[in-house]
Amino acid sequence: MGTYLKFADPLMTRFNNAEYLSFLRRFRALLPFPEQGGDRPEIESLSVNESNGVPALGVSAAQLTVLDAVIDQLTDLNNQSRISQETETLNDTDKQRDNVAVYALNRINNSATLPLQAEQEAGKFLRNVVKPYTGIARLPLNQETETIKGLLVDLRKPENASAVQALSLTPYLNELERLNNLYESLVAQRAAERLASSVDNSKIVRAQGDDIYDDITSLAFAWSLANPSDKATAFIRNVNALISDAQTAYNQRMGQKKKKESDRPEIE
């Protein structure tokens, strides 16, 4: 065993994105900028400043800026809420299907005002069929998708065919089905693209995080050899304590995951 205190391997590739971000945040907290006024806690005795970085470790302010940028990007990726082109298309499709659904329901419910007796009778016959679908356009979007499917099934039942034909509803039902299917496929496509984009972006940013972490710890270790100090030794010990905590949390998560899997009943 060597006589020099070294950084432990954090094994960061095992962390999920939330664990990775938490680790970098806590690592960054060991490299704070100085607070204005008042007594500073012991860990801040590393003398960080915006122009010189962390002189006691040989870490530059530019490296701290890179680390901060990585943390900010990972935070954004963990809390994404973007208005995309897919969202605009989804909204347009939803409005179109709302219009068609409302028109078909109004044609049935207002059939008493239609000029032909056959239309009036058809509307009266279908009124109870569509009564459960009142307010369909105000439902939560995913619930609306499934409710429209139910409406189409009911109106296409054989016993309703003649009434649907009398009110000339078939082309509207076909268009409603097309728009509903389109909306459902767009939702699935957007979810898949967002997931793929998030994963790809996370890999890129995490690679940057790996690099800057390696740079800072390598510099700190080299500096501790060239310029031994209690401050550098304390920093390495603090980082190793952080690594130990992070690995313990990871092991606990994996242990809980395995326990849940073992508790599942076997499928015969």
C-alpha atoms as a PDB file:
ATOM      1  CA  MET A   1       0.000   0.000   0.000  1.00  0.00           C
ATOM      2  CA  GLY A   2       1.419   3.414  -0.999  1.00  0.00           C
ATOM      3  CA  THR A   3       2.050   6.251   1.403  1.00  0.00           C
ATOM      4  CA  TYR A   4       0.212   8.875  -0.656  1.00  0.00           C
ATOM      5  CA  LEU A   5      -3.488   9.553  -0.143  1.00  0.00           C
ATOM      6  CA  LYS A   6      -5.285   8.982  -3.452  1.00  0.00           C
ATOM      7  CA  PHE A   7      -8.811   9.523  -4.748  1.00  0.00           C
ATOM      8  CA  ALA A   8     -11.000   6.429  -4.713  1.00  0.00           C
ATOM      9  CA  ASP A   9     -12.704   5.345  -7.933  1.00  0.00           C
ATOM     10  CA  PRO A  10     -16.273   6.743  -7.826  1.00  0.00           C
ATOM     11  CA  LEU A  11     -17.512   4.231 -10.445  1.00  0.00           C
ATOM     12  CA  MET A  12     -19.800   6.957 -11.776  1.00  0.00           C
ATOM     13  CA  THR A  13     -20.821   4.926 -14.827  1.00  0.00           C
ATOM     14  CA  ARG A  14     -23.021   2.857 -12.512  1.00  0.00           C
ATOM     15  CA  PHE A  15     -25.030   5.854 -11.364  1.00  0.00           C
ATOM     16  CA  ASN A  16     -28.371   6.728 -12.894  1.00  0.00           C
ATOM     17  CA  ASN A  17     -28.778  10.357 -13.987  1.00  0.00           C
ATOM     18  CA  ALA A  18     -30.191  11.511 -10.658  1.00  0.00           C
ATOM     19  CA  GLU A  19     -27.374   9.862  -8.693  1.00  0.00           C
ATOM     20  CA  TYR A  20     -24.790  11.241 -11.091  1.00  0.00           C
ATOM     21  CA  LEU A  21     -26.148  14.770 -10.756  1.00  0.00           C
ATOM     22  CA  SER A  22     -26.285  14.493  -6.960  1.00  0.00           C
ATOM     23  CA  PHE A  23     -22.672  13.312  -6.877  1.00  0.00           C
ATOM     24  CA  LEU A  24     -21.429  16.207  -9.006  1.00  0.00           C
ATOM     25  CA  ARG A  25     -23.406  18.735  -6.948  1.00  0.00           C
ATOM     26  CA  ARG A  26     -21.895  17.455  -3.717  1.00  0.00           C
ATOM     27  CA  PHE A  27     -18.436  17.366  -5.305  1.00  0.00           C
ATOM     28  CA  ARG A  28     -18.930  20.967  -6.425  1.00  0.00           C
ATOM     29  CA  ALA A  29     -19.934  21.914  -2.884  1.00  0.00           C
ATOM     30  CA  LEU A  30     -16.431  20.951  -1.799  1.00  0.00           C
ATOM     31  CA  LEU A  31     -15.141  23.667  -4.152  1.00  0.00           C
ATOM     32  CA  PRO A  32     -17.288  26.682  -3.223  1.00  0.00           C
ATOM     33  CA  PHE A  33     -16.734  30.281  -4.129  1.00  0.00           C
ATOM     34  CA  PRO A  34     -16.166  32.429  -1.027  1.00  0.00           C
ATOM     35  CA  GLU A  35     -19.179  33.932   0.691  1.00  0.00           C
ATOM     36  CA  GLN A  36     -19.158  37.661   1.411  1.00  0.00           C
ATOM     37  CA  GLY A  37     -18.454  38.456   5.047  1.00  0.00           C
ATOM     38  CA  GLY A  38     -18.801  36.351   8.174  1.00  0.00           C
ATOM     39  CA  ASP A  39     -16.833  33.334   9.282  1.00  0.00           C
ATOM     40  CA  ARG A  40     -16.296  30.662   6.658  1.00  0.00           C
ATOM     41  CA  PRO A  41     -16.583  26.970   7.505  1.00  0.00           C
ATOM     42  CA  GLU A  42     -13.440  24.893   7.478  1.00  0.00           C
ATOM     43  CA  ILE A  43     -14.018  23.345   4.053  1.00  0.00           C
ATOM     44  CA  GLU A  44     -13.999  26.804   2.477  1.00  0.00           C
ATOM     45  CA  SER A  45     -10.444  27.369   3.678  1.00  0.00           C
ATOM     46  CA  LEU A  46      -9.372  26.167   0.222  1.00  0.00           C
ATOM     47  CA  SER A  47      -9.430  29.865  -0.719  1.00  0.00           C
ATOM     48  CA  VAL A  48     -11.558  29.769  -3.847  1.00  0.00           C
ATOM     49  CA  ASN A  49     -12.004  32.961  -5.809  1.00  0.00           C
ATOM     50  CA  GLU A  50     -13.442  33.753  -9.219  1.00  0.00           C
ATOM     51  CA  SER A  51     -10.144  34.829 -10.733  1.00  0.00           C
ATOM     52  CA  ASN A  52      -7.806  32.161  -9.333  1.00  0.00           C
ATOM     53  CA  GLY A  53     -10.046  29.091  -8.851  1.00  0.00           C
ATOM     54  CA  VAL A  54      -8.737  26.920  -6.008  1.00  0.00           C
ATOM     55  CA  PRO A  55      -5.049  27.734  -5.577  1.00  0.00           C
ATOM     56  CA  ALA A  56      -4.610  25.124  -2.831  1.00  0.00           C
ATOM     57  CA  LEU A  57      -5.502  22.413  -5.366  1.00  0.00           C
ATOM     58  CA  GLY A  58      -4.200  23.872  -8.599  1.00  0.00           C
ATOM     59  CA  VAL A  59      -7.760  24.070  -9.953  1.00  0.00           C
ATOM     60  CA  SER A  60      -8.578  27.031 -12.193  1.00  0.00           C
ATOM     61  CA  ALA A  61     -11.708  29.176 -12.180  1.00  0.00           C
ATOM     62  CA  ALA A  62     -12.321  28.087 -15.783  1.00  0.00           C
ATOM     63  CA  GLN A  63     -12.527  24.454 -14.668  1.00  0.00           C
ATOM     64  CA  LEU A  64     -15.043  25.364 -11.980  1.00  0.00           C
ATOM     65  CA  THR A  65     -17.089  27.174 -14.627  1.00  0.00           C
ATOM     66  CA  VAL A  66     -17.088  24.042 -16.796  1.00  0.00           C
ATOM     67  CA  LEU A  67     -18.203  21.944 -13.828  1.00  0.00           C
ATOM     68  CA  ASP A  68     -20.998  24.401 -13.063  1.00  0.00           C
ATOM     69  CA  ALA A  69     -22.135  24.313 -16.692  1.00  0.00           C
ATOM     70  CA  VAL A  70     -22.284  20.510 -16.665  1.00  0.00           C
ATOM     71  CA  ILE A  71     -24.358  20.549 -13.490  1.00  0.00           C
ATOM     72  CA  ASP A  72     -26.736  23.118 -14.981  1.00  0.00           C
ATOM     73  CA  GLN A  73     -27.162  21.076 -18.169  1.00  0.00           C
ATOM     74  CA  LEU A  74     -27.840  17.872 -16.245  1.00  0.00           C
ATOM     75  CA  THR A  75     -30.387  19.715 -14.121  1.00  0.00           C
ATOM     76  CA  ASP A  76     -32.147  20.910 -17.276  1.00  0.00           C
ATOM     77  CA  LEU A  77     -32.175  17.390 -18.708  1.00  0.00           C
ATOM     78  CA  ASN A  78     -33.703  16.047 -15.497  1.00  0.00           C
ATOM     79  CA  ASN A  79     -36.442  18.674 -15.595  1.00  0.00           C
ATOM     80  CA  GLN A  80     -37.178  19.075 -19.278  1.00  0.00           C
ATOM     81  CA  SER A  81     -40.317  20.958 -20.236  1.00  0.00           C
ATOM     82  CA  ARG A  82     -40.057  22.091 -23.826  1.00  0.00           C
ATOM     83  CA  ILE A  83     -42.649  23.287 -26.334  1.00  0.00           C
ATOM     84  CA  SER A  84     -41.747  21.442 -29.530  1.00  0.00           C
ATOM     85  CA  GLN A  85     -43.020  21.189 -33.061  1.00  0.00           C
ATOM     86  CA  GLU A  86     -44.559  17.852 -32.148  1.00  0.00           C
ATOM     87  CA  THR A  87     -46.551  19.576 -29.410  1.00  0.00           C
ATOM     88  CA  GLU A  88     -47.924  22.135 -31.869  1.00  0.00           C
ATOM     89  CA  THR A  89     -48.944  19.365 -34.273  1.00  0.00           C
ATOM     90  CA  LEU A  90     -50.567  17.476 -31.414  1.00  0.00           C
ATOM     91  CA  ASN A  91     -52.567  20.517 -30.380  1.00  0.00           C
ATOM     92  CA  ASP A  92     -53.768  21.097 -33.943  1.00  0.00           C
ATOM     93  CA  THR A  93     -54.797  17.453 -34.314  1.00  0.00           C
ATOM     94  CA  ASP A  94     -56.624  17.551 -30.989  1.00  0.00           C
ATOM     95  CA  LYS A  95     -58.581  20.648 -32.046  1.00  0.00           C
ATOM     96  CA  GLN A  96     -59.569  18.976 -35.306  1.00  0.00           C
ATOM     97  CA  ARG A  97     -60.815  15.818 -33.634  1.00  0.00           C
ATOM     98  CA  ASP A  98     -62.690  17.934 -31.070  1.00  0.00           C
ATOM     99  CA  ASN A  99     -64.457  19.781 -33.876  1.00  0.00           C
ATOM    100  CA  VAL A 100     -65.491  16.579 -35.657  1.00  0.00           C
ATOM    101  CA  ALA A 101     -66.620  14.851 -32.445  1.00  0.00           C
ATOM    102  CA  VAL A 102     -68.650  17.873 -31.319  1.00  0.00           C
ATOM    103  CA  TYR A 103     -70.225  18.232 -34.758  1.00  0.00           C
ATOM    104  CA  ALA A 104     -71.314  14.584 -34.846  1.00  0.00           C
ATOM    105  CA  LEU A 105     -72.749  14.732 -31.330  1.00  0.00           C
ATOM    106  CA  ASN A 106     -74.537  18.034 -32.000  1.00  0.00           C
ATOM    107  CA  ARG A 107     -76.031  16.647 -35.184  1.00  0.00           C
ATOM    108  CA  ILE A 108     -77.540  13.820 -33.145  1.00  0.00           C
ATOM    109  CA  ASN A 109     -78.610  15.908 -30.152  1.00  0.00           C
ATOM    110  CA  ASN A 110     -80.074  18.709 -32.296  1.00  0.00           C
ATOM    111  CA  SER A 111     -81.763  16.400 -34.778  1.00  0.00           C
ATOM    112  CA  ALA A 112     -85.199  17.674 -33.764  1.00  0.00           C
ATOM    113  CA  THR A 113     -84.428  20.832 -35.751  1.00  0.00           C
ATOM    114  CA  LEU A 114     -83.569  18.935 -38.943  1.00  0.00           C
ATOM    115  CA  PRO A 115     -86.097  19.154 -41.812  1.00  0.00           C
ATOM    116  CA  LEU A 116     -86.503  15.443 -42.577  1.00  0.00           C
ATOM    117  CA  GLN A 117     -88.547  13.189 -40.338  1.00  0.00           C
ATOM    118  CA  ALA A 118     -86.122  10.311 -40.933  1.00  0.00           C
ATOM    119  CA  GLU A 119     -83.305  12.457 -39.567  1.00  0.00           C
ATOM    120  CA  GLN A 120     -85.344  13.465 -36.542  1.00  0.00           C
ATOM    121  CA  GLU A 121     -86.187   9.859 -35.749  1.00  0.00           C
ATOM    122  CA  ALA A 122     -82.597   8.754 -36.271  1.00  0.00           C
ATOM    123  CA  GLY A 123     -81.368  11.438 -33.910  1.00  0.00           C
ATOM    124  CA  LYS A 124     -83.930  10.485 -31.287  1.00  0.00           C
ATOM    125  CA  PHE A 125     -82.825   6.843 -31.591  1.00  0.00           C
ATOM    126  CA  LEU A 126     -79.154   7.692 -31.162  1.00  0.00           C
ATOM    127  CA  ARG A 127     -79.543  10.276 -28.429  1.00  0.00           C
ATOM    128  CA  ASN A 128     -79.315   7.772 -25.595  1.00  0.00           C
ATOM    129  CA  VAL A 129     -76.400   6.024 -27.293  1.00  0.00           C
ATOM    130  CA  VAL A 130     -74.249   9.157 -27.250  1.00  0.00           C
ATOM    131  CA  LYS A 131     -75.454  10.591 -23.944  1.00  0.00           C
ATOM    132  CA  PRO A 132     -72.463   9.146 -21.987  1.00  0.00           C
ATOM    133  CA  TYR A 133     -70.129  10.992 -24.386  1.00  0.00           C
ATOM    134  CA  THR A 134     -71.360  14.491 -23.556  1.00  0.00           C
ATOM    135  CA  GLY A 135     -68.396  16.788 -22.917  1.00  0.00           C
ATOM    136  CA  ILE A 136     -65.960  14.460 -24.672  1.00  0.00           C
ATOM    137  CA  ALA A 137     -63.823  17.360 -25.938  1.00  0.00           C
ATOM    138  CA  ARG A 138     -63.203  18.561 -22.365  1.00  0.00           C
ATOM    139  CA  LEU A 139     -61.745  15.297 -21.119  1.00  0.00           C
ATOM    140  CA  PRO A 140     -58.022  14.893 -20.341  1.00  0.00           C
ATOM    141  CA  LEU A 141     -56.302  14.233 -23.652  1.00  0.00           C
ATOM    142  CA  ASN A 142     -55.374  10.569 -23.201  1.00  0.00           C
ATOM    143  CA  GLN A 143     -58.787   9.831 -21.711  1.00  0.00           C
ATOM    144  CA  GLU A 144     -60.393  11.575 -24.673  1.00  0.00           C
ATOM    145  CA  THR A 145     -58.480   9.305 -27.054  1.00  0.00           C
ATOM    146  CA  GLU A 146     -59.919   6.180 -25.447  1.00  0.00           C
ATOM    147  CA  THR A 147     -63.396   7.689 -25.097  1.00  0.00           C
ATOM    148  CA  ILE A 148     -63.512   8.509 -28.813  1.00  0.00           C
ATOM    149  CA  LYS A 149     -62.709   4.874 -29.530  1.00  0.00           C
ATOM    150  CA  GLY A 150     -65.704   3.884 -27.396  1.00  0.00           C
ATOM    151  CA  LEU A 151     -67.965   6.370 -29.198  1.00  0.00           C
ATOM    152  CA  LEU A 152     -66.957   4.955 -32.574  1.00  0.00           C
ATOM    153  CA  VAL A 153     -67.585   1.385 -31.445  1.00  0.00           C
ATOM    154  CA  ASP A 154     -71.062   2.263 -30.165  1.00  0.00           C
ATOM    155  CA  LEU A 155     -72.147   4.198 -33.234  1.00  0.00           C
ATOM    156  CA  ARG A 156     -70.886   1.457 -35.555  1.00  0.00           C
ATOM    157  CA  LYS A 157     -72.879  -1.289 -33.914  1.00  0.00           C
ATOM    158  CA  PRO A 158     -75.243  -3.026 -36.380  1.00  0.00           C
ATOM    159  CA  GLU A 159     -78.369  -1.862 -34.565  1.00  0.00           C
ATOM    160  CA  ASN A 160     -77.312   1.766 -35.077  1.00  0.00           C
ATOM    161  CA  ALA A 161     -76.303   1.500 -38.728  1.00  0.00           C
ATOM    162  CA  SER A 162     -79.554   2.759 -40.267  1.00  0.00           C
ATOM    163  CA  ALA A 163     -79.742   5.766 -37.927  1.00  0.00           C
ATOM    164  CA  VAL A 164     -76.120   6.661 -38.618  1.00  0.00           C
ATOM    165  CA  GLN A 165     -76.811   6.444 -42.346  1.00  0.00           C
ATOM    166  CA  ALA A 166     -79.935   8.580 -42.073  1.00  0.00           C
ATOM    167  CA  LEU A 167     -77.923  11.354 -40.424  1.00  0.00           C
ATOM    168  CA  SER A 168     -75.050  10.972 -42.929  1.00  0.00           C
ATOM    169  CA  LEU A 169     -72.593  10.470 -40.078  1.00  0.00           C
ATOM    170  CA  THR A 170     -70.336   7.859 -41.689  1.00  0.00           C
ATOM    171  CA  PRO A 171     -67.780  10.280 -43.240  1.00  0.00           C
ATOM    172  CA  TYR A 172     -67.547  12.169 -39.941  1.00  0.00           C
ATOM    173  CA  LEU A 173     -66.974   8.972 -37.990  1.00  0.00           C
ATOM    174  CA  ASN A 174     -64.269   7.934 -40.445  1.00  0.00           C
ATOM    175  CA  GLU A 175     -62.571  11.305 -40.142  1.00  0.00           C
ATOM    176  CA  LEU A 176     -62.845  11.197 -36.346  1.00  0.00           C
ATOM    177  CA  GLU A 177     -61.201   7.781 -36.336  1.00  0.00           C
ATOM    178  CA  ARG A 178     -58.398   9.007 -38.603  1.00  0.00           C
ATOM    179  CA  LEU A 179     -57.677  12.040 -36.434  1.00  0.00           C
ATOM    180  CA  ASN A 180     -57.849  10.034 -33.222  1.00  0.00           C
ATOM    181  CA  ASN A 181     -55.425   7.438 -34.562  1.00  0.00           C
ATOM    182  CA  LEU A 182     -53.129  10.211 -35.767  1.00  0.00           C
ATOM    183  CA  TYR A 183     -53.195  11.869 -32.356  1.00  0.00           C
ATOM    184  CA  GLU A 184     -52.383   8.600 -30.620  1.00  0.00           C
ATOM    185  CA  SER A 185     -49.466   7.871 -32.960  1.00  0.00           C
ATOM    186  CA  LEU A 186     -48.092  11.411 -32.529  1.00  0.00           C
ATOM    187  CA  VAL A 187     -48.161  11.018 -28.745  1.00  0.00           C
ATOM    188  CA  ALA A 188     -46.226   7.755 -28.978  1.00  0.00           C
ATOM    189  CA  GLN A 189     -43.752   9.248 -31.464  1.00  0.00           C
ATOM    190  CA  ARG A 190     -43.111  12.320 -29.323  1.00  0.00           C
ATOM    191  CA  ALA A 191     -42.554  10.197 -26.220  1.00  0.00           C
ATOM    192  CA  ALA A 192     -40.063   7.974 -28.046  1.00  0.00           C
ATOM    193  CA  GLU A 193     -38.188  10.940 -29.549  1.00  0.00           C
ATOM    194  CA  ARG A 194     -38.005  12.784 -26.246  1.00  0.00           C
ATOM    195  CA  LEU A 195     -36.695   9.694 -24.509  1.00  0.00           C
ATOM    196  CA  ALA A 196     -34.071   9.108 -27.201  1.00  0.00           C
ATOM    197  CA  SER A 197     -33.066  12.780 -27.187  1.00  0.00           C
ATOM    198  CA  SER A 198     -32.834  12.867 -23.404  1.00  0.00           C
ATOM    199  CA  VAL A 199     -30.703   9.712 -23.319  1.00  0.00           C
ATOM    200  CA  ASP A 200     -28.389  10.960 -26.078  1.00  0.00           C
ATOM    201  CA  ASN A 201     -27.973  14.389 -24.491  1.00  0.00           C
ATOM    202  CA  SER A 202     -27.382  12.875 -21.061  1.00  0.00           C
ATOM    203  CA  LYS A 203     -24.595  10.696 -22.443  1.00  0.00           C
ATOM    204  CA  ILE A 204     -22.901  13.710 -23.991  1.00  0.00           C
ATOM    205  CA  VAL A 205     -23.155  15.851 -20.865  1.00  0.00           C
ATOM    206  CA  ARG A 206     -22.148  12.998 -18.571  1.00  0.00           C
ATOM    207  CA  ALA A 207     -19.040  12.443 -20.702  1.00  0.00           C
ATOM    208  CA  GLN A 208     -18.199  16.111 -20.145  1.00  0.00           C
ATOM    209  CA  GLY A 209     -18.832  15.630 -16.439  1.00  0.00           C
ATOM    210  CA  ASP A 210     -16.492  12.637 -16.351  1.00  0.00           C
ATOM    211  CA  ASP A 211     -13.784  14.666 -18.068  1.00  0.00           C
ATOM    212  CA  ILE A 212     -13.959  17.688 -15.773  1.00  0.00           C
ATOM    213  CA  TYR A 213     -14.140  15.497 -12.658  1.00  0.00           C
ATOM    214  CA  ASP A 214     -11.057  13.585 -13.820  1.00  0.00           C
ATOM    215  CA  ASP A 215      -9.247  16.858 -14.608  1.00  0.00           C
ATOM    216  CA  ILE A 216      -9.973  18.395 -11.217  1.00  0.00           C
ATOM    217  CA  THR A 217      -9.128  15.300  -9.159  1.00  0.00           C
ATOM    218  CA  SER A 218      -5.978  14.601 -11.200  1.00  0.00           C
ATOM    219  CA  LEU A 219      -4.795  18.170 -10.703  1.00  0.00           C
ATOM    220  CA  ALA A 220      -5.628  18.069  -7.006  1.00  0.00           C
ATOM    221  CA  PHE A 221      -3.692  14.830  -6.535  1.00  0.00           C
ATOM    222  CA  ALA A 222      -0.695  16.072  -8.490  1.00  0.00           C
ATOM    223  CA  TRP A 223      -0.768  19.346  -6.555  1.00  0.00           C
ATOM    224  CA  SER A 224      -0.896  17.467  -3.246  1.00  0.00           C
ATOM    225  CA  LEU A 225       2.313  15.676  -4.225  1.00  0.00           C
ATOM    226  CA  ALA A 226       4.125  18.758  -5.480  1.00  0.00           C
ATOM    227  CA  ASN A 227       2.842  21.052  -2.740  1.00  0.00           C
ATOM    228  CA  PRO A 228       1.772  18.930   0.252  1.00  0.00           C
ATOM    229  CA  SER A 229      -0.705  20.675   2.526  1.00  0.00           C
ATOM    230  CA  ASP A 230      -3.336  19.883   5.090  1.00  0.00           C
ATOM    231  CA  LYS A 231      -5.889  21.560   2.833  1.00  0.00           C
ATOM    232  CA  ALA A 232      -5.202  19.266  -0.124  1.00  0.00           C
ATOM    233  CA  THR A 233      -5.201  16.196   2.123  1.00  0.00           C
ATOM    234  CA  ALA A 234      -8.503  17.248   3.675  1.00  0.00           C
ATOM    235  CA  PHE A 235     -10.018  17.748   0.218  1.00  0.00           C
ATOM    236  CA  ILE A 236      -9.032  14.249  -0.926  1.00  0.00           C
ATOM    237  CA  ARG A 237     -10.459  12.763   2.284  1.00  0.00           C
ATOM    238  CA  ASN A 238     -13.687  14.696   1.854  1.00  0.00           C
ATOM    239  CA  VAL A 239     -14.074  13.516  -1.744  1.00  0.00           C
ATOM    240  CA  ASN A 240     -13.407   9.923  -0.734  1.00  0.00           C
ATOM    241  CA  ALA A 241     -16.059  10.241   1.992  1.00  0.00           C
ATOM    242  CA  LEU A 242     -18.463  11.543  -0.656  1.00  0.00           C
ATOM    243  CA  ILE A 243     -17.614   8.583  -2.915  1.00  0.00           C
ATOM    244  CA  SER A 244     -18.265   6.179  -0.049  1.00  0.00           C
ATOM    245  CA  ASP A 245     -21.644   7.792   0.658  1.00  0.00           C
ATOM    246  CA  ALA A 246     -22.608   7.701  -3.018  1.00  0.00           C
ATOM    247  CA  GLN A 247     -21.645   4.046  -3.374  1.00  0.00           C
ATOM    248  CA  THR A 248     -23.607   3.159  -0.239  1.00  0.00           C
ATOM    249  CA  ALA A 249     -26.691   4.892  -1.636  1.00  0.00           C
ATOM    250  CA  TYR A 250     -26.232   3.092  -4.954  1.00  0.00           C
ATOM    251  CA  ASN A 251     -25.899  -0.295  -3.247  1.00  0.00           C
ATOM    252  CA  GLN A 252     -29.018   0.380  -1.195  1.00  0.00           C
ATOM    253  CA  ARG A 253     -30.973   1.228  -4.340  1.00  0.00           C
ATOM    254  CA  MET A 254     -29.822  -1.910  -6.096  1.00  0.00           C
ATOM    255  CA  GLY A 255     -30.590  -4.003  -3.011  1.00  0.00           C
ATOM    256  CA  GLN A 256     -34.137  -2.636  -2.882  1.00  0.00           C
ATOM    257  CA  LYS A 257     -34.545  -3.296  -6.589  1.00  0.00           C
ATOM    258  CA  LYS A 258     -33.424  -6.926  -6.210  1.00  0.00           C
ATOM    259  CA  LYS A 259     -35.737  -7.386  -3.212  1.00  0.00           C
ATOM    260  CA  LYS A 260     -38.719  -6.124  -5.202  1.00  0.00           C
ATOM    261  CA  GLU A 261     -37.879  -8.511  -8.026  1.00  0.00           C
ATOM    262  CA  SER A 262     -37.543 -11.461  -5.639  1.00  0.00           C
ATOM    263  CA  ASP A 263     -40.891 -10.610  -4.036  1.00  0.00           C
ATOM    264  CA  ARG A 264     -42.733 -10.970  -7.343  1.00  0.00           C
ATOM    265  CA  PRO A 265     -44.882 -14.121  -7.531  1.00  0.00           C
ATOM    266  CA  GLU A 266     -43.811 -16.706 -10.038  1.00  0.00           C
ATOM    267  CA  ILE A 267     -45.982 -17.000 -13.115  1.00  0.00           C
ATOM    268  CA  GLU A 268     -47.040 -20.592 -13.657  1.00  0.00           C
END
